[in-house]
Protein backbone atom coordinates (compact mmCIF):
# COMPACT_ATOMS: atom_id res chain seq x y z
CA MET A 1 153.82 143.29 119.65
CA TRP A 2 154.45 139.80 118.29
CA ARG A 3 151.79 138.40 120.65
CA GLN A 4 149.21 140.77 119.18
CA ALA A 5 150.23 139.74 115.68
CA ILE A 6 149.79 136.04 116.58
CA LEU A 7 146.37 136.70 118.10
CA VAL A 8 145.27 138.60 114.99
CA PHE A 9 146.55 135.74 112.80
CA LEU A 10 144.70 133.12 114.89
CA CYS A 11 141.48 135.13 114.78
CA LEU A 12 141.73 135.37 111.01
CA VAL A 13 142.34 131.61 110.71
CA LEU A 14 139.42 130.76 112.99
CA SER A 15 137.15 133.20 111.17
CA CYS A 16 138.04 131.75 107.79
CA THR A 17 137.64 128.17 109.06
CA THR A 18 134.23 128.93 110.58
CA GLY A 19 133.12 130.65 107.41
CA TYR A 20 134.35 127.74 105.31
CA LYS A 21 132.52 125.23 107.50
CA ALA A 22 129.31 127.23 107.33
CA THR A 23 129.61 127.58 103.56
CA TYR A 24 130.41 123.88 103.16
CA ALA A 25 127.50 122.88 105.39
CA ALA A 26 125.13 125.06 103.39
CA GLN A 27 126.41 123.61 100.13
CA SER A 28 126.20 120.02 101.42
CA GLN A 29 122.51 120.32 102.30
CA PRO A 30 120.50 118.58 99.57
CA LYS A 31 118.28 120.91 97.61
CA PRO A 32 114.60 120.02 97.96
CA LYS A 33 113.24 118.30 94.90
CA THR A 34 110.51 119.85 92.81
CA SER A 35 108.01 118.40 90.38
CA ALA A 36 110.47 119.19 87.59
CA ASP A 37 112.84 116.54 88.97
CA PHE A 38 110.38 113.70 88.36
CA SER A 39 109.84 112.40 84.86
CA ASP A 40 106.36 111.03 85.60
CA LEU A 41 105.11 114.54 86.46
CA LYS A 42 106.14 116.10 83.16
CA ASP A 43 102.61 116.16 81.76
CA MET A 44 100.80 116.63 85.08
CA ASP A 45 98.23 119.42 85.44
CA ALA A 46 99.96 122.67 86.45
CA ALA A 47 97.74 123.24 89.49
CA ILE A 48 98.59 119.80 90.88
CA LYS A 49 102.29 120.42 90.21
CA VAL A 50 102.10 123.53 92.40
CA LYS A 51 100.59 121.47 95.21
CA ILE A 52 103.23 118.76 94.85
CA ASP A 53 105.99 121.38 94.92
CA SER A 54 104.59 122.79 98.16
CA TRP A 55 104.50 119.38 99.82
CA LEU A 56 107.97 118.45 98.59
CA ALA A 57 109.40 121.73 99.88
CA LYS A 58 107.94 121.09 103.34
CA GLY A 59 109.33 117.57 103.40
CA TYR A 60 105.86 116.13 104.02
CA ILE A 61 106.10 113.80 101.03
CA GLU A 62 108.83 112.52 98.75
CA GLY A 63 109.20 110.55 95.56
CA ILE A 64 109.46 106.79 95.32
CA SER A 65 112.86 107.17 93.64
CA GLU A 66 115.21 109.87 92.39
CA GLU A 67 113.42 110.07 89.04
CA GLN A 68 109.86 108.96 89.87
CA PHE A 69 107.34 110.66 92.13
CA GLY A 70 104.99 107.70 91.77
CA VAL A 71 101.85 109.76 91.34
CA ASN A 72 99.79 106.67 90.53
CA GLU A 73 101.55 104.33 92.96
CA PRO A 74 100.00 103.02 96.21
CA ILE A 75 101.24 104.02 99.63
CA SER A 76 101.82 101.92 102.75
CA ARG A 77 99.86 102.55 105.91
CA ALA A 78 103.11 103.29 107.75
CA GLU A 79 104.13 105.96 105.25
CA PHE A 80 100.64 107.41 105.36
CA ALA A 81 100.83 107.67 109.17
CA LYS A 82 104.03 109.70 108.84
CA ILE A 83 102.61 112.01 106.18
CA ILE A 84 99.35 112.75 108.00
CA ALA A 85 101.07 113.18 111.38
CA LEU A 86 103.50 115.73 109.91
CA SER A 87 100.95 117.55 107.79
CA LEU A 88 98.48 117.93 110.67
CA ARG A 89 101.33 118.86 113.03
CA LEU A 90 100.29 116.22 115.51
CA LYS A 91 102.31 115.87 118.69
CA ILE A 92 105.08 113.42 117.80
CA ASP A 93 107.44 111.85 120.34
CA PRO A 94 110.61 110.98 118.38
CA THR A 95 112.00 108.97 121.32
CA LEU A 96 109.25 106.32 121.13
CA ASN A 97 110.62 102.89 120.30
CA THR A 98 107.67 100.73 121.31
CA SER A 99 104.22 100.62 119.79
CA SER A 100 100.81 99.97 121.25
CA PHE A 101 100.15 97.79 118.18
CA ASN A 102 101.51 94.28 118.41
CA ASP A 103 102.56 94.11 114.75
CA VAL A 104 104.69 97.29 114.80
CA SER A 105 108.25 96.88 116.05
CA VAL A 106 111.34 99.04 116.16
CA LYS A 107 113.22 95.96 114.96
CA ASP A 108 111.38 96.16 111.65
CA SER A 109 114.08 97.51 109.30
CA VAL A 110 111.49 98.81 106.83
CA TYR A 111 108.68 100.25 108.95
CA GLY A 112 110.15 100.54 112.44
CA TYR A 113 110.86 104.23 111.82
CA ALA A 114 107.11 104.94 111.75
CA ILE A 115 106.37 104.12 115.40
CA PRO A 116 106.24 107.78 116.60
CA TYR A 117 103.95 108.71 113.71
CA ILE A 118 101.67 105.70 114.10
CA GLU A 119 101.27 106.40 117.81
CA ALA A 120 100.58 110.09 117.12
CA VAL A 121 97.82 109.15 114.67
CA ARG A 122 96.33 106.71 117.15
CA ARG A 123 96.32 109.28 119.96
CA ALA A 124 94.54 111.70 117.62
CA ASN A 125 91.80 109.06 117.13
CA ILE A 126 92.38 109.04 113.38
CA THR A 127 92.85 105.28 113.40
CA ASP A 128 92.66 102.42 115.87
CA GLY A 129 94.19 99.91 113.49
CA ILE A 130 92.60 97.06 111.58
CA GLY A 131 91.46 95.07 114.62
CA ASN A 132 93.06 92.62 117.04
CA ASN A 133 95.44 95.39 118.10
CA GLN A 134 97.16 95.38 114.70
CA PHE A 135 98.06 98.32 112.49
CA ASN A 136 99.26 96.46 109.37
CA PRO A 137 102.11 98.90 108.62
CA ASP A 138 103.13 97.22 105.38
CA GLY A 139 99.59 97.01 104.04
CA MET A 140 98.58 99.37 101.26
CA LEU A 141 96.28 102.20 102.29
CA THR A 142 92.90 101.60 100.64
CA ARG A 143 90.64 104.25 99.20
CA GLU A 144 87.97 103.70 101.85
CA GLN A 145 90.56 103.79 104.64
CA LEU A 146 91.77 107.13 103.31
CA ALA A 147 88.18 108.40 103.36
CA ILE A 148 87.77 107.33 106.98
CA PHE A 149 91.07 108.92 108.05
CA VAL A 150 90.24 112.22 106.35
CA ILE A 151 86.79 112.38 107.98
CA ARG A 152 88.24 111.59 111.39
CA GLY A 153 91.04 114.09 110.84
CA LEU A 154 88.34 116.70 110.25
CA ASN A 155 86.61 115.61 113.49
CA LYS A 156 83.50 114.79 111.47
CA ASP A 157 82.77 111.31 112.83
CA ALA A 158 79.36 112.51 114.01
CA ASP A 159 78.58 113.99 110.60
CA ALA A 160 79.46 110.69 108.95
CA GLY A 161 77.03 108.95 111.30
CA GLU A 162 74.24 111.20 110.00
CA THR A 163 75.15 110.76 106.34
CA MET A 164 73.41 108.25 104.09
CA GLY A 165 75.95 105.70 102.99
CA VAL A 166 76.89 105.18 99.37
CA ALA A 167 75.00 102.52 97.43
CA ASP A 168 78.24 101.07 96.16
CA GLU A 169 79.05 97.39 96.53
CA THR A 170 82.76 98.08 96.15
CA VAL A 171 82.77 99.86 99.54
CA SER A 172 82.80 97.87 102.78
CA PRO A 173 79.66 98.29 104.93
CA TYR A 174 81.54 99.97 107.78
CA ALA A 175 82.94 102.60 105.39
CA LYS A 176 79.87 103.52 103.33
CA GLN A 177 78.88 106.59 105.36
CA TYR A 178 82.48 107.83 105.55
CA VAL A 179 82.91 107.47 101.80
CA ALA A 180 79.65 109.33 101.15
CA LEU A 181 80.73 112.28 103.29
CA PHE A 182 84.24 112.14 101.87
CA MET A 183 82.94 112.49 98.32
CA ASN A 184 80.62 115.33 99.36
CA LEU A 185 83.54 117.23 100.85
CA LEU A 186 85.99 116.48 98.04
CA PRO A 187 83.88 116.45 94.86
CA PHE A 188 86.96 116.83 92.65
CA LEU A 189 87.86 113.22 93.50
CA ARG A 190 84.58 111.85 92.18
CA SER A 191 84.40 109.65 89.12
CA ASP A 192 81.52 108.24 87.11
CA GLY A 193 82.35 104.68 88.09
CA SER A 194 82.48 102.79 91.37
CA PHE A 195 84.55 104.10 94.26
CA ASN A 196 86.52 100.82 94.50
CA GLY A 197 86.94 101.26 98.21
CA THR A 198 89.07 98.20 98.88
CA LEU A 199 91.61 99.04 96.17
CA PRO A 200 94.78 100.94 97.12
CA ALA A 201 94.62 104.73 97.12
CA ASN A 202 97.25 106.25 94.86
CA ARG A 203 99.57 109.05 95.90
CA ARG A 204 97.71 111.65 93.83
CA MET A 205 94.48 110.92 95.69
CA LEU A 206 96.33 111.00 99.00
CA LEU A 207 97.98 114.34 98.32
CA LEU A 208 94.82 116.07 97.12
CA SER A 209 92.85 114.73 100.08
CA LEU A 210 95.41 115.80 102.66
CA ASP A 211 95.92 119.14 100.97
CA TYR A 212 92.22 119.84 101.46
CA LEU A 213 92.28 118.41 104.97
CA THR A 214 95.18 120.49 106.23
CA ILE A 215 93.87 123.74 104.75
CA THR A 216 90.38 123.16 106.14
CA ILE A 217 91.14 121.85 109.62
CA CYS A 218 94.21 123.76 110.72
CA GLY A 219 95.51 126.01 107.98
CA CYS A 220 98.78 124.14 108.35
CA GLY A 221 99.03 122.65 104.88
CA PRO A 222 101.79 123.92 102.60
CA SER A 223 99.42 124.99 99.83
CA THR A 224 97.77 128.40 99.85
CA LYS A 225 94.06 129.12 99.53
CA GLN A 226 94.73 130.49 96.07
CA VAL A 227 96.24 127.18 95.00
CA GLU A 228 93.31 125.25 96.46
CA ASN A 229 90.85 127.32 94.47
CA SER A 230 92.74 126.64 91.26
CA MET A 231 91.62 123.02 91.24
């Protein structure tokens, strides 16, 4: 009889411990941030806030600090590779610790983490680097580079080749046709001035571009069609 009582007691202890651990684990998981957590998004357009919330919830993008999303801040090419690889659900090998680019190293304490994402983007033919087998992971993603990556992500290289390039001196010759097609596809990113292709793309431009890209190419983006149409 006493053995049964001990077994019952042990079962109760184990059950309570397991339940406590599960509860503690659930409580210890950080709650995903929303646009409301970032002071620089307070006055942002409501439709864009909804998009940002969707991307934050998926873990595809994060703020530049606890209080700042950095909507107007530039983004490194390494961080961009991670975001586009995740958002397009490219095949990513997390065990990779060597890169096919000679300026990307796992020993890099800042950008070494991005090797699997950079290689996934290269395999998808979205980028082949900046030349001389270099990726320039710490370089800021430019507006014309973003245009090229979006067009290639849409598998529209051939369409770009048939598009008349922009008559814009701020865009590099190699990017003119890509920028023209990019602006045709994403008219909400147009402005009355120059495209300023060699200037860094900000995070707002990146998010809106990739939101369109993921919805159009694979339906894998976090935003819904309804949200897209609200722009």
